[in-house]
Amino acid sequence: MVKVKRRDPAAPFIRRLQGQREQVLRFMTDFGVPFDNNGSERDIRMVKLQGRRARPPSKAGDSQSSLAKL
């Protein structure tokens, strides 16, 4: 276990990792656990992007289209 000075800004993070060491390193023993969460982030990103496309135009967009007509 690594000793951490209280004043170190990373101290809370390091202590939390040390307390959850088994869960943090689970991917090394349980091959069903992914190494990273990129797949989940990609899925969330697609949902987020689809939500942006479905929104109605904002008021700023309406004023721009009226200016284009002039």
PDB file of N, CA and C in Angstrom:
ATOM      1  N   MET A   1       0.840  -1.177   0.000  1.00  0.00           N
ATOM      2  CA  MET A   1       0.000   0.000   0.000  1.00  0.00           C
ATOM      3  C   MET A   1       0.890   1.246   0.000  1.00  0.00           C
ATOM      4  N   VAL A   2       0.513   2.219  -0.770  1.00  0.00           N
ATOM      5  CA  VAL A   2       1.283   3.444  -0.910  1.00  0.00           C
ATOM      6  C   VAL A   2       0.863   4.434   0.167  1.00  0.00           C
ATOM      7  N   LYS A   3       1.848   5.059   0.807  1.00  0.00           N
ATOM      8  CA  LYS A   3       1.532   6.104   1.777  1.00  0.00           C
ATOM      9  C   LYS A   3       1.335   7.415   1.028  1.00  0.00           C
ATOM     10  N   VAL A   4       0.312   8.136   1.420  1.00  0.00           N
ATOM     11  CA  VAL A   4      -0.026   9.382   0.746  1.00  0.00           C
ATOM     12  C   VAL A   4      -0.084  10.493   1.784  1.00  0.00           C
ATOM     13  N   LYS A   5       0.534  11.620   1.460  1.00  0.00           N
ATOM     14  CA  LYS A   5       0.468  12.775   2.358  1.00  0.00           C
ATOM     15  C   LYS A   5      -0.918  13.395   2.272  1.00  0.00           C
ATOM     16  N   ARG A   6      -1.400  13.883   3.389  1.00  0.00           N
ATOM     17  CA  ARG A   6      -2.741  14.477   3.421  1.00  0.00           C
ATOM     18  C   ARG A   6      -2.862  15.697   2.520  1.00  0.00           C
ATOM     19  N   ARG A   7      -1.784  16.428   2.352  1.00  0.00           N
ATOM     20  CA  ARG A   7      -1.842  17.660   1.557  1.00  0.00           C
ATOM     21  C   ARG A   7      -1.819  17.404   0.055  1.00  0.00           C
ATOM     22  N   ASP A   8      -1.461  16.214  -0.320  1.00  0.00           N
ATOM     23  CA  ASP A   8      -1.401  15.879  -1.742  1.00  0.00           C
ATOM     24  C   ASP A   8      -2.811  15.972  -2.335  1.00  0.00           C
ATOM     25  N   PRO A   9      -2.996  16.727  -3.425  1.00  0.00           N
ATOM     26  CA  PRO A   9      -4.344  16.862  -4.000  1.00  0.00           C
ATOM     27  C   PRO A   9      -4.911  15.538  -4.514  1.00  0.00           C
ATOM     28  N   ALA A  10      -4.051  14.581  -4.804  1.00  0.00           N
ATOM     29  CA  ALA A  10      -4.523  13.284  -5.299  1.00  0.00           C
ATOM     30  C   ALA A  10      -4.817  12.304  -4.168  1.00  0.00           C
ATOM     31  N   ALA A  11      -4.595  12.707  -2.932  1.00  0.00           N
ATOM     32  CA  ALA A  11      -4.736  11.798  -1.788  1.00  0.00           C
ATOM     33  C   ALA A  11      -6.123  11.160  -1.688  1.00  0.00           C
ATOM     34  N   PRO A  12      -7.212  11.913  -1.801  1.00  0.00           N
ATOM     35  CA  PRO A  12      -8.528  11.263  -1.696  1.00  0.00           C
ATOM     36  C   PRO A  12      -8.753  10.214  -2.787  1.00  0.00           C
ATOM     37  N   PHE A  13      -8.302  10.521  -3.982  1.00  0.00           N
ATOM     38  CA  PHE A  13      -8.457   9.583  -5.094  1.00  0.00           C
ATOM     39  C   PHE A  13      -7.645   8.307  -4.852  1.00  0.00           C
ATOM     40  N   ILE A  14      -6.411   8.465  -4.415  1.00  0.00           N
ATOM     41  CA  ILE A  14      -5.546   7.308  -4.164  1.00  0.00           C
ATOM     42  C   ILE A  14      -6.111   6.454  -3.036  1.00  0.00           C
ATOM     43  N   ARG A  15      -6.588   7.089  -1.983  1.00  0.00           N
ATOM     44  CA  ARG A  15      -7.181   6.329  -0.875  1.00  0.00           C
ATOM     45  C   ARG A  15      -8.413   5.553  -1.330  1.00  0.00           C
ATOM     46  N   ARG A  16      -9.221   6.176  -2.165  1.00  0.00           N
ATOM     47  CA  ARG A  16     -10.423   5.495  -2.656  1.00  0.00           C
ATOM     48  C   ARG A  16     -10.037   4.295  -3.523  1.00  0.00           C
ATOM     49  N   LEU A  17      -9.024   4.460  -4.371  1.00  0.00           N
ATOM     50  CA  LEU A  17      -8.568   3.336  -5.188  1.00  0.00           C
ATOM     51  C   LEU A  17      -8.012   2.212  -4.324  1.00  0.00           C
ATOM     52  N   GLN A  18      -7.271   2.561  -3.287  1.00  0.00           N
ATOM     53  CA  GLN A  18      -6.710   1.541  -2.405  1.00  0.00           C
ATOM     54  C   GLN A  18      -7.817   0.782  -1.679  1.00  0.00           C
ATOM     55  N   GLY A  19      -8.867   1.475  -1.306  1.00  0.00           N
ATOM     56  CA  GLY A  19      -9.978   0.826  -0.616  1.00  0.00           C
ATOM     57  C   GLY A  19     -10.805  -0.068  -1.522  1.00  0.00           C
ATOM     58  N   GLN A  20     -10.772   0.196  -2.819  1.00  0.00           N
ATOM     59  CA  GLN A  20     -11.570  -0.576  -3.776  1.00  0.00           C
ATOM     60  C   GLN A  20     -10.682  -1.312  -4.768  1.00  0.00           C
ATOM     61  N   ARG A  21      -9.519  -1.684  -4.330  1.00  0.00           N
ATOM     62  CA  ARG A  21      -8.525  -2.303  -5.203  1.00  0.00           C
ATOM     63  C   ARG A  21      -9.080  -3.525  -5.943  1.00  0.00           C
ATOM     64  N   GLU A  22      -9.803  -4.372  -5.230  1.00  0.00           N
ATOM     65  CA  GLU A  22     -10.329  -5.592  -5.847  1.00  0.00           C
ATOM     66  C   GLU A  22     -11.289  -5.264  -6.993  1.00  0.00           C
ATOM     67  N   GLN A  23     -12.165  -4.287  -6.787  1.00  0.00           N
ATOM     68  CA  GLN A  23     -13.118  -3.920  -7.832  1.00  0.00           C
ATOM     69  C   GLN A  23     -12.423  -3.223  -9.003  1.00  0.00           C
ATOM     70  N   VAL A  24     -11.423  -2.399  -8.698  1.00  0.00           N
ATOM     71  CA  VAL A  24     -10.723  -1.658  -9.753  1.00  0.00           C
ATOM     72  C   VAL A  24      -9.959  -2.609 -10.670  1.00  0.00           C
ATOM     73  N   LEU A  25      -9.388  -3.650 -10.101  1.00  0.00           N
ATOM     74  CA  LEU A  25      -8.573  -4.580 -10.886  1.00  0.00           C
ATOM     75  C   LEU A  25      -9.326  -5.847 -11.300  1.00  0.00           C
ATOM     76  N   ARG A  26     -10.621  -5.848 -11.161  1.00  0.00           N
ATOM     77  CA  ARG A  26     -11.418  -7.037 -11.476  1.00  0.00           C
ATOM     78  C   ARG A  26     -11.248  -7.491 -12.924  1.00  0.00           C
ATOM     79  N   PHE A  27     -11.029  -6.569 -13.850  1.00  0.00           N
ATOM     80  CA  PHE A  27     -10.893  -6.940 -15.259  1.00  0.00           C
ATOM     81  C   PHE A  27      -9.698  -7.865 -15.498  1.00  0.00           C
ATOM     82  N   MET A  28      -8.747  -7.887 -14.557  1.00  0.00           N
ATOM     83  CA  MET A  28      -7.567  -8.737 -14.724  1.00  0.00           C
ATOM     84  C   MET A  28      -7.861 -10.207 -14.410  1.00  0.00           C
ATOM     85  N   THR A  29      -8.872 -10.465 -13.604  1.00  0.00           N
ATOM     86  CA  THR A  29      -9.187 -11.844 -13.231  1.00  0.00           C
ATOM     87  C   THR A  29     -10.492 -12.333 -13.841  1.00  0.00           C
ATOM     88  N   ASP A  30     -11.432 -11.429 -14.072  1.00  0.00           N
ATOM     89  CA  ASP A  30     -12.724 -11.795 -14.651  1.00  0.00           C
ATOM     90  C   ASP A  30     -12.763 -11.253 -16.073  1.00  0.00           C
ATOM     91  N   PHE A  31     -12.598 -12.141 -17.041  1.00  0.00           N
ATOM     92  CA  PHE A  31     -12.486 -11.696 -18.431  1.00  0.00           C
ATOM     93  C   PHE A  31     -13.820 -11.260 -19.029  1.00  0.00           C
ATOM     94  N   GLY A  32     -14.891 -11.379 -18.284  1.00  0.00           N
ATOM     95  CA  GLY A  32     -16.182 -10.869 -18.730  1.00  0.00           C
ATOM     96  C   GLY A  32     -16.324  -9.372 -18.492  1.00  0.00           C
ATOM     97  N   VAL A  33     -15.436  -8.830 -17.679  1.00  0.00           N
ATOM     98  CA  VAL A  33     -15.462  -7.399 -17.368  1.00  0.00           C
ATOM     99  C   VAL A  33     -14.566  -6.684 -18.375  1.00  0.00           C
ATOM    100  N   PRO A  34     -15.100  -5.696 -19.101  1.00  0.00           N
ATOM    101  CA  PRO A  34     -14.275  -4.998 -20.095  1.00  0.00           C
ATOM    102  C   PRO A  34     -13.186  -4.149 -19.439  1.00  0.00           C
ATOM    103  N   PHE A  35     -12.091  -3.981 -20.150  1.00  0.00           N
ATOM    104  CA  PHE A  35     -10.964  -3.182 -19.670  1.00  0.00           C
ATOM    105  C   PHE A  35     -11.348  -1.714 -19.543  1.00  0.00           C
ATOM    106  N   ASP A  36     -12.175  -1.237 -20.451  1.00  0.00           N
ATOM    107  CA  ASP A  36     -12.620   0.159 -20.411  1.00  0.00           C
ATOM    108  C   ASP A  36     -14.118   0.214 -20.694  1.00  0.00           C
ATOM    109  N   ASN A  37     -14.674   1.402 -20.675  1.00  0.00           N
ATOM    110  CA  ASN A  37     -16.109   1.542 -20.913  1.00  0.00           C
ATOM    111  C   ASN A  37     -16.386   2.275 -22.226  1.00  0.00           C
ATOM    112  N   ASN A  38     -15.497   2.152 -23.184  1.00  0.00           N
ATOM    113  CA  ASN A  38     -15.676   2.849 -24.457  1.00  0.00           C
ATOM    114  C   ASN A  38     -16.955   2.425 -25.175  1.00  0.00           C
ATOM    115  N   GLY A  39     -17.290   1.151 -25.113  1.00  0.00           N
ATOM    116  CA  GLY A  39     -18.513   0.684 -25.770  1.00  0.00           C
ATOM    117  C   GLY A  39     -19.747   1.359 -25.201  1.00  0.00           C
ATOM    118  N   SER A  40     -19.803   1.476 -23.898  1.00  0.00           N
ATOM    119  CA  SER A  40     -20.943   2.136 -23.253  1.00  0.00           C
ATOM    120  C   SER A  40     -20.986   3.612 -23.610  1.00  0.00           C
ATOM    121  N   GLU A  41     -19.828   4.249 -23.619  1.00  0.00           N
ATOM    122  CA  GLU A  41     -19.790   5.671 -23.963  1.00  0.00           C
ATOM    123  C   GLU A  41     -20.217   5.895 -25.410  1.00  0.00           C
ATOM    124  N   ARG A  42     -19.831   4.998 -26.306  1.00  0.00           N
ATOM    125  CA  ARG A  42     -20.253   5.117 -27.702  1.00  0.00           C
ATOM    126  C   ARG A  42     -21.766   4.999 -27.822  1.00  0.00           C
ATOM    127  N   ASP A  43     -22.358   4.055 -27.079  1.00  0.00           N
ATOM    128  CA  ASP A  43     -23.811   3.888 -27.118  1.00  0.00           C
ATOM    129  C   ASP A  43     -24.521   5.138 -26.619  1.00  0.00           C
ATOM    130  N   ILE A  44     -24.038   5.706 -25.541  1.00  0.00           N
ATOM    131  CA  ILE A  44     -24.648   6.915 -24.987  1.00  0.00           C
ATOM    132  C   ILE A  44     -24.490   8.073 -25.961  1.00  0.00           C
ATOM    133  N   ARG A  45     -23.346   8.164 -26.605  1.00  0.00           N
ATOM    134  CA  ARG A  45     -23.103   9.252 -27.550  1.00  0.00           C
ATOM    135  C   ARG A  45     -24.100   9.200 -28.708  1.00  0.00           C
ATOM    136  N   MET A  46     -24.368   8.007 -29.220  1.00  0.00           N
ATOM    137  CA  MET A  46     -25.309   7.894 -30.332  1.00  0.00           C
ATOM    138  C   MET A  46     -26.704   8.347 -29.908  1.00  0.00           C
ATOM    139  N   VAL A  47     -27.119   7.979 -28.714  1.00  0.00           N
ATOM    140  CA  VAL A  47     -28.434   8.408 -28.222  1.00  0.00           C
ATOM    141  C   VAL A  47     -28.464   9.923 -28.091  1.00  0.00           C
ATOM    142  N   LYS A  48     -27.393  10.491 -27.576  1.00  0.00           N
ATOM    143  CA  LYS A  48     -27.314  11.938 -27.394  1.00  0.00           C
ATOM    144  C   LYS A  48     -27.358  12.659 -28.745  1.00  0.00           C
ATOM    145  N   LEU A  49     -26.622  12.155 -29.722  1.00  0.00           N
ATOM    146  CA  LEU A  49     -26.615  12.790 -31.042  1.00  0.00           C
ATOM    147  C   LEU A  49     -27.977  12.691 -31.716  1.00  0.00           C
ATOM    148  N   GLN A  50     -28.661  11.580 -31.553  1.00  0.00           N
ATOM    149  CA  GLN A  50     -29.990  11.433 -32.140  1.00  0.00           C
ATOM    150  C   GLN A  50     -30.968  12.400 -31.493  1.00  0.00           C
ATOM    151  N   GLY A  51     -30.806  12.658 -30.210  1.00  0.00           N
ATOM    152  CA  GLY A  51     -31.666  13.610 -29.514  1.00  0.00           C
ATOM    153  C   GLY A  51     -31.471  15.021 -30.028  1.00  0.00           C
ATOM    154  N   ARG A  52     -30.257  15.361 -30.378  1.00  0.00           N
ATOM    155  CA  ARG A  52     -29.983  16.701 -30.903  1.00  0.00           C
ATOM    156  C   ARG A  52     -30.642  16.906 -32.263  1.00  0.00           C
ATOM    157  N   ARG A  53     -30.646  15.881 -33.071  1.00  0.00           N
ATOM    158  CA  ARG A  53     -31.237  16.004 -34.407  1.00  0.00           C
ATOM    159  C   ARG A  53     -32.753  16.116 -34.353  1.00  0.00           C
ATOM    160  N   ALA A  54     -33.359  15.577 -33.311  1.00  0.00           N
ATOM    161  CA  ALA A  54     -34.815  15.545 -33.227  1.00  0.00           C
ATOM    162  C   ALA A  54     -35.399  16.834 -32.653  1.00  0.00           C
ATOM    163  N   ARG A  55     -34.567  17.710 -32.136  1.00  0.00           N
ATOM    164  CA  ARG A  55     -35.077  18.945 -31.534  1.00  0.00           C
ATOM    165  C   ARG A  55     -35.645  19.888 -32.588  1.00  0.00           C
ATOM    166  N   PRO A  56     -36.682  20.611 -32.232  1.00  0.00           N
ATOM    167  CA  PRO A  56     -37.181  21.638 -33.155  1.00  0.00           C
ATOM    168  C   PRO A  56     -36.185  22.794 -33.225  1.00  0.00           C
ATOM    169  N   PRO A  57     -36.210  23.569 -34.290  1.00  0.00           N
ATOM    170  CA  PRO A  57     -35.265  24.683 -34.405  1.00  0.00           C
ATOM    171  C   PRO A  57     -35.465  25.693 -33.280  1.00  0.00           C
ATOM    172  N   SER A  58     -34.371  26.268 -32.840  1.00  0.00           N
ATOM    173  CA  SER A  58     -34.447  27.250 -31.760  1.00  0.00           C
ATOM    174  C   SER A  58     -34.889  28.599 -32.310  1.00  0.00           C
ATOM    175  N   LYS A  59     -35.127  29.532 -31.409  1.00  0.00           N
ATOM    176  CA  LYS A  59     -35.526  30.876 -31.836  1.00  0.00           C
ATOM    177  C   LYS A  59     -34.421  31.529 -32.652  1.00  0.00           C
ATOM    178  N   ALA A  60     -33.176  31.252 -32.289  1.00  0.00           N
ATOM    179  CA  ALA A  60     -32.060  31.816 -33.050  1.00  0.00           C
ATOM    180  C   ALA A  60     -32.092  31.300 -34.485  1.00  0.00           C
ATOM    181  N   GLY A  61     -32.436  30.035 -34.648  1.00  0.00           N
ATOM    182  CA  GLY A  61     -32.530  29.461 -35.990  1.00  0.00           C
ATOM    183  C   GLY A  61     -33.654  30.089 -36.789  1.00  0.00           C
ATOM    184  N   ASP A  62     -34.766  30.405 -36.121  1.00  0.00           N
ATOM    185  CA  ASP A  62     -35.891  31.041 -36.805  1.00  0.00           C
ATOM    186  C   ASP A  62     -35.511  32.433 -37.302  1.00  0.00           C
ATOM    187  N   SER A  63     -34.786  33.184 -36.490  1.00  0.00           N
ATOM    188  CA  SER A  63     -34.413  34.532 -36.902  1.00  0.00           C
ATOM    189  C   SER A  63     -33.408  34.476 -38.049  1.00  0.00           C
ATOM    190  N   GLN A  64     -32.562  33.476 -38.050  1.00  0.00           N
ATOM    191  CA  GLN A  64     -31.601  33.350 -39.142  1.00  0.00           C
ATOM    192  C   GLN A  64     -32.314  33.018 -40.445  1.00  0.00           C
ATOM    193  N   SER A  65     -33.330  32.173 -40.375  1.00  0.00           N
ATOM    194  CA  SER A  65     -34.035  31.833 -41.607  1.00  0.00           C
ATOM    195  C   SER A  65     -34.830  33.033 -42.121  1.00  0.00           C
ATOM    196  N   SER A  66     -35.352  33.871 -41.218  1.00  0.00           N
ATOM    197  CA  SER A  66     -36.084  35.051 -41.672  1.00  0.00           C
ATOM    198  C   SER A  66     -35.126  36.072 -42.276  1.00  0.00           C
ATOM    199  N   LEU A  67     -33.900  36.142 -41.759  1.00  0.00           N
ATOM    200  CA  LEU A  67     -32.912  37.040 -42.350  1.00  0.00           C
ATOM    201  C   LEU A  67     -32.492  36.548 -43.726  1.00  0.00           C
ATOM    202  N   ALA A  68     -32.448  35.251 -43.899  1.00  0.00           N
ATOM    203  CA  ALA A  68     -32.051  34.696 -45.188  1.00  0.00           C
ATOM    204  C   ALA A  68     -33.095  35.011 -46.255  1.00  0.00           C
ATOM    205  N   LYS A  69     -34.361  35.136 -45.857  1.00  0.00           N
ATOM    206  CA  LYS A  69     -35.426  35.433 -46.809  1.00  0.00           C
ATOM    207  C   LYS A  69     -35.339  36.869 -47.308  1.00  0.00           C
ATOM    208  N   LEU A  70     -34.758  37.752 -46.478  1.00  0.00           N
ATOM    209  CA  LEU A  70     -34.641  39.153 -46.882  1.00  0.00           C
ATOM    210  C   LEU A  70     -33.634  39.256 -47.984  1.00  0.00           C
TER     211      LEU A  70
END
